[in-house]
Amino acid sequence: MDAFEGSNSPVTCGEQYHEHEPLEYYCRDCQVCICRKCGLISHHQHTMVKTQLASDEMKTQMMAFLQNVKTEIDNVEKEM
């Protein structure tokens, strides 16, 4: 079973002294999920957003990419 499947509890930080902090933010500069403490300490000048917003944006990007790939497949199949 995947670490995320069947669990409503938040995933927590792996940094020392942050073990119980939920990963609530996404650092766009480093492309990693971080906790509030990491945001204040090691990512303080980076662009951070809430994980749900980052997730929604990435989902939208992936859906657009998938649609482009499907269109390309359709075009290649028509040419064949």
N, C-alpha and C. Protein backbone atom coordinates (compact mmCIF):
# COMPACT_ATOMS: atom_id res chain seq x y z
N MET A 1 0.84 -1.19 0.00
CA MET A 1 0.00 0.00 0.00
C MET A 1 0.88 1.24 0.00
N ASP A 2 0.55 2.18 -0.83
CA ASP A 2 1.26 3.44 -0.95
C ASP A 2 1.11 4.24 0.34
N ALA A 3 2.10 5.08 0.65
CA ALA A 3 2.08 5.89 1.87
C ALA A 3 0.90 6.85 1.91
N PHE A 4 0.36 7.20 0.75
CA PHE A 4 -0.72 8.17 0.69
C PHE A 4 -2.09 7.52 0.62
N GLU A 5 -2.16 6.25 0.25
CA GLU A 5 -3.44 5.58 0.07
C GLU A 5 -4.10 5.30 1.42
N GLY A 6 -5.39 5.57 1.47
CA GLY A 6 -6.17 5.23 2.65
C GLY A 6 -5.83 6.02 3.89
N SER A 7 -5.16 7.11 3.74
CA SER A 7 -4.77 7.89 4.90
C SER A 7 -5.25 9.32 4.75
N ASN A 8 -5.94 9.80 5.77
CA ASN A 8 -6.36 11.20 5.78
C ASN A 8 -5.42 12.05 6.62
N SER A 9 -4.43 11.42 7.25
CA SER A 9 -3.49 12.17 8.07
C SER A 9 -2.45 12.83 7.17
N PRO A 10 -2.02 14.02 7.54
CA PRO A 10 -1.04 14.73 6.71
C PRO A 10 0.32 14.04 6.73
N VAL A 11 1.03 14.16 5.62
CA VAL A 11 2.40 13.65 5.55
C VAL A 11 3.26 14.64 6.31
N THR A 12 4.19 14.14 7.10
CA THR A 12 4.98 15.02 7.94
C THR A 12 6.41 15.17 7.42
N CYS A 13 7.07 16.20 7.88
CA CYS A 13 8.42 16.55 7.47
C CYS A 13 9.44 15.53 7.97
N GLY A 14 10.49 15.34 7.19
CA GLY A 14 11.55 14.41 7.56
C GLY A 14 12.77 15.09 8.14
N GLU A 15 12.76 16.42 8.19
CA GLU A 15 13.90 17.15 8.73
C GLU A 15 13.97 16.99 10.25
N GLN A 16 15.19 16.94 10.78
CA GLN A 16 15.38 16.80 12.22
C GLN A 16 14.71 17.97 12.95
N TYR A 17 13.99 17.66 13.98
CA TYR A 17 13.23 18.60 14.82
C TYR A 17 11.95 19.11 14.16
N HIS A 18 11.64 18.62 12.98
CA HIS A 18 10.40 19.02 12.29
C HIS A 18 9.50 17.79 12.09
N GLU A 19 9.85 16.66 12.66
CA GLU A 19 9.21 15.37 12.36
C GLU A 19 7.69 15.37 12.47
N HIS A 20 7.14 16.21 13.31
CA HIS A 20 5.69 16.22 13.52
C HIS A 20 4.99 17.34 12.76
N GLU A 21 5.75 18.07 11.96
CA GLU A 21 5.19 19.19 11.19
C GLU A 21 4.61 18.67 9.87
N PRO A 22 3.38 19.01 9.55
CA PRO A 22 2.80 18.59 8.27
C PRO A 22 3.42 19.35 7.09
N LEU A 23 3.51 18.68 5.95
CA LEU A 23 4.03 19.31 4.73
C LEU A 23 2.88 20.11 4.11
N GLU A 24 2.77 21.36 4.49
CA GLU A 24 1.67 22.21 4.08
C GLU A 24 1.99 23.11 2.90
N TYR A 25 3.27 23.22 2.56
CA TYR A 25 3.68 24.15 1.51
C TYR A 25 4.50 23.45 0.44
N TYR A 26 4.53 24.07 -0.73
CA TYR A 26 5.35 23.59 -1.83
C TYR A 26 6.31 24.71 -2.20
N CYS A 27 7.61 24.41 -2.19
CA CYS A 27 8.62 25.39 -2.58
C CYS A 27 8.79 25.28 -4.09
N ARG A 28 8.40 26.31 -4.80
CA ARG A 28 8.51 26.29 -6.26
C ARG A 28 9.96 26.33 -6.73
N ASP A 29 10.82 27.00 -5.98
CA ASP A 29 12.23 27.09 -6.36
C ASP A 29 12.92 25.73 -6.28
N CYS A 30 12.65 24.98 -5.23
CA CYS A 30 13.30 23.68 -5.02
C CYS A 30 12.45 22.50 -5.51
N GLN A 31 11.19 22.77 -5.81
CA GLN A 31 10.23 21.77 -6.27
C GLN A 31 10.07 20.62 -5.27
N VAL A 32 9.86 21.00 -4.00
CA VAL A 32 9.64 20.02 -2.94
C VAL A 32 8.55 20.52 -1.99
N CYS A 33 7.89 19.58 -1.33
CA CYS A 33 6.94 19.94 -0.29
C CYS A 33 7.71 20.18 1.00
N ILE A 34 7.28 21.20 1.73
CA ILE A 34 7.98 21.58 2.95
C ILE A 34 6.99 21.89 4.06
N CYS A 35 7.50 21.89 5.29
CA CYS A 35 6.67 22.28 6.43
C CYS A 35 6.86 23.78 6.69
N ARG A 36 6.08 24.27 7.63
CA ARG A 36 6.15 25.70 7.98
C ARG A 36 7.54 26.07 8.48
N LYS A 37 8.14 25.21 9.31
CA LYS A 37 9.47 25.51 9.86
C LYS A 37 10.52 25.57 8.75
N CYS A 38 10.46 24.63 7.81
CA CYS A 38 11.41 24.65 6.68
C CYS A 38 11.23 25.94 5.88
N GLY A 39 9.97 26.37 5.73
CA GLY A 39 9.69 27.60 5.01
C GLY A 39 10.33 28.81 5.67
N LEU A 40 10.37 28.81 6.98
CA LEU A 40 10.96 29.93 7.72
C LEU A 40 12.48 29.87 7.77
N ILE A 41 13.03 28.66 7.74
CA ILE A 41 14.47 28.49 7.93
C ILE A 41 15.22 28.37 6.61
N SER A 42 15.01 27.29 5.91
CA SER A 42 15.85 27.01 4.74
C SER A 42 15.24 27.44 3.40
N HIS A 43 14.00 27.86 3.39
CA HIS A 43 13.36 28.28 2.14
C HIS A 43 12.77 29.69 2.27
N HIS A 44 13.31 30.49 3.20
CA HIS A 44 12.70 31.77 3.55
C HIS A 44 12.64 32.79 2.42
N GLN A 45 13.51 32.71 1.43
CA GLN A 45 13.45 33.66 0.32
C GLN A 45 12.95 33.00 -0.96
N HIS A 46 12.38 31.82 -0.83
CA HIS A 46 11.87 31.09 -2.00
C HIS A 46 10.38 31.37 -2.19
N THR A 47 9.89 31.02 -3.36
CA THR A 47 8.48 31.16 -3.65
C THR A 47 7.76 29.92 -3.15
N MET A 48 6.86 30.11 -2.19
CA MET A 48 6.13 28.99 -1.59
C MET A 48 4.63 29.20 -1.78
N VAL A 49 3.93 28.10 -1.99
CA VAL A 49 2.46 28.13 -2.07
C VAL A 49 1.93 26.95 -1.26
N LYS A 50 0.67 27.01 -0.91
CA LYS A 50 0.03 25.90 -0.21
C LYS A 50 0.07 24.67 -1.13
N THR A 51 0.21 23.49 -0.53
CA THR A 51 0.33 22.26 -1.33
C THR A 51 -0.90 22.03 -2.20
N GLN A 52 -2.08 22.38 -1.72
CA GLN A 52 -3.29 22.15 -2.52
C GLN A 52 -3.28 23.00 -3.79
N LEU A 53 -2.83 24.24 -3.68
CA LEU A 53 -2.74 25.10 -4.85
C LEU A 53 -1.73 24.55 -5.85
N ALA A 54 -0.56 24.13 -5.35
CA ALA A 54 0.46 23.55 -6.23
C ALA A 54 -0.07 22.29 -6.90
N SER A 55 -0.78 21.48 -6.15
CA SER A 55 -1.36 20.25 -6.68
C SER A 55 -2.37 20.56 -7.79
N ASP A 56 -3.24 21.50 -7.55
CA ASP A 56 -4.25 21.89 -8.55
C ASP A 56 -3.58 22.42 -9.82
N GLU A 57 -2.56 23.25 -9.66
CA GLU A 57 -1.85 23.80 -10.82
C GLU A 57 -1.16 22.70 -11.61
N MET A 58 -0.50 21.77 -10.92
CA MET A 58 0.20 20.68 -11.60
C MET A 58 -0.78 19.75 -12.30
N LYS A 59 -1.92 19.52 -11.68
CA LYS A 59 -2.94 18.68 -12.28
C LYS A 59 -3.44 19.31 -13.59
N THR A 60 -3.66 20.61 -13.57
CA THR A 60 -4.10 21.32 -14.77
C THR A 60 -3.04 21.23 -15.87
N GLN A 61 -1.77 21.40 -15.51
CA GLN A 61 -0.68 21.31 -16.48
C GLN A 61 -0.60 19.90 -17.07
N MET A 62 -0.73 18.89 -16.23
CA MET A 62 -0.66 17.51 -16.71
C MET A 62 -1.82 17.17 -17.64
N MET A 63 -3.01 17.67 -17.31
CA MET A 63 -4.17 17.43 -18.17
C MET A 63 -3.98 18.08 -19.54
N ALA A 64 -3.44 19.29 -19.57
CA ALA A 64 -3.17 19.97 -20.84
C ALA A 64 -2.12 19.21 -21.64
N PHE A 65 -1.07 18.74 -20.98
CA PHE A 65 -0.03 17.97 -21.65
C PHE A 65 -0.61 16.68 -22.21
N LEU A 66 -1.43 16.00 -21.41
CA LEU A 66 -2.06 14.76 -21.86
C LEU A 66 -2.94 15.00 -23.08
N GLN A 67 -3.68 16.09 -23.08
CA GLN A 67 -4.53 16.41 -24.23
C GLN A 67 -3.68 16.66 -25.47
N ASN A 68 -2.55 17.34 -25.32
CA ASN A 68 -1.66 17.58 -26.45
C ASN A 68 -1.09 16.27 -26.99
N VAL A 69 -0.73 15.36 -26.11
CA VAL A 69 -0.21 14.06 -26.54
C VAL A 69 -1.29 13.28 -27.29
N LYS A 70 -2.51 13.29 -26.77
CA LYS A 70 -3.62 12.59 -27.44
C LYS A 70 -3.85 13.17 -28.83
N THR A 71 -3.78 14.49 -28.95
CA THR A 71 -3.95 15.13 -30.25
C THR A 71 -2.85 14.70 -31.21
N GLU A 72 -1.61 14.66 -30.71
CA GLU A 72 -0.49 14.22 -31.55
C GLU A 72 -0.66 12.77 -31.98
N ILE A 73 -1.11 11.91 -31.08
CA ILE A 73 -1.36 10.51 -31.42
C ILE A 73 -2.42 10.41 -32.51
N ASP A 74 -3.50 11.17 -32.37
CA ASP A 74 -4.56 11.18 -33.38
C ASP A 74 -4.00 11.63 -34.74
N ASN A 75 -3.17 12.66 -34.74
CA ASN A 75 -2.58 13.15 -35.98
C ASN A 75 -1.70 12.10 -36.63
N VAL A 76 -0.89 11.42 -35.85
CA VAL A 76 0.00 10.39 -36.39
C VAL A 76 -0.83 9.22 -36.93
N GLU A 77 -1.87 8.83 -36.20
CA GLU A 77 -2.71 7.73 -36.66
C GLU A 77 -3.41 8.06 -37.98
N LYS A 78 -3.83 9.31 -38.14
CA LYS A 78 -4.47 9.74 -39.39
C LYS A 78 -3.50 9.68 -40.56
N GLU A 79 -2.24 10.04 -40.29
CA GLU A 79 -1.23 10.03 -41.34
C GLU A 79 -0.85 8.60 -41.74
N MET A 80 -0.99 7.68 -40.83
CA MET A 80 -0.64 6.28 -41.12
C MET A 80 -1.72 5.71 -41.97
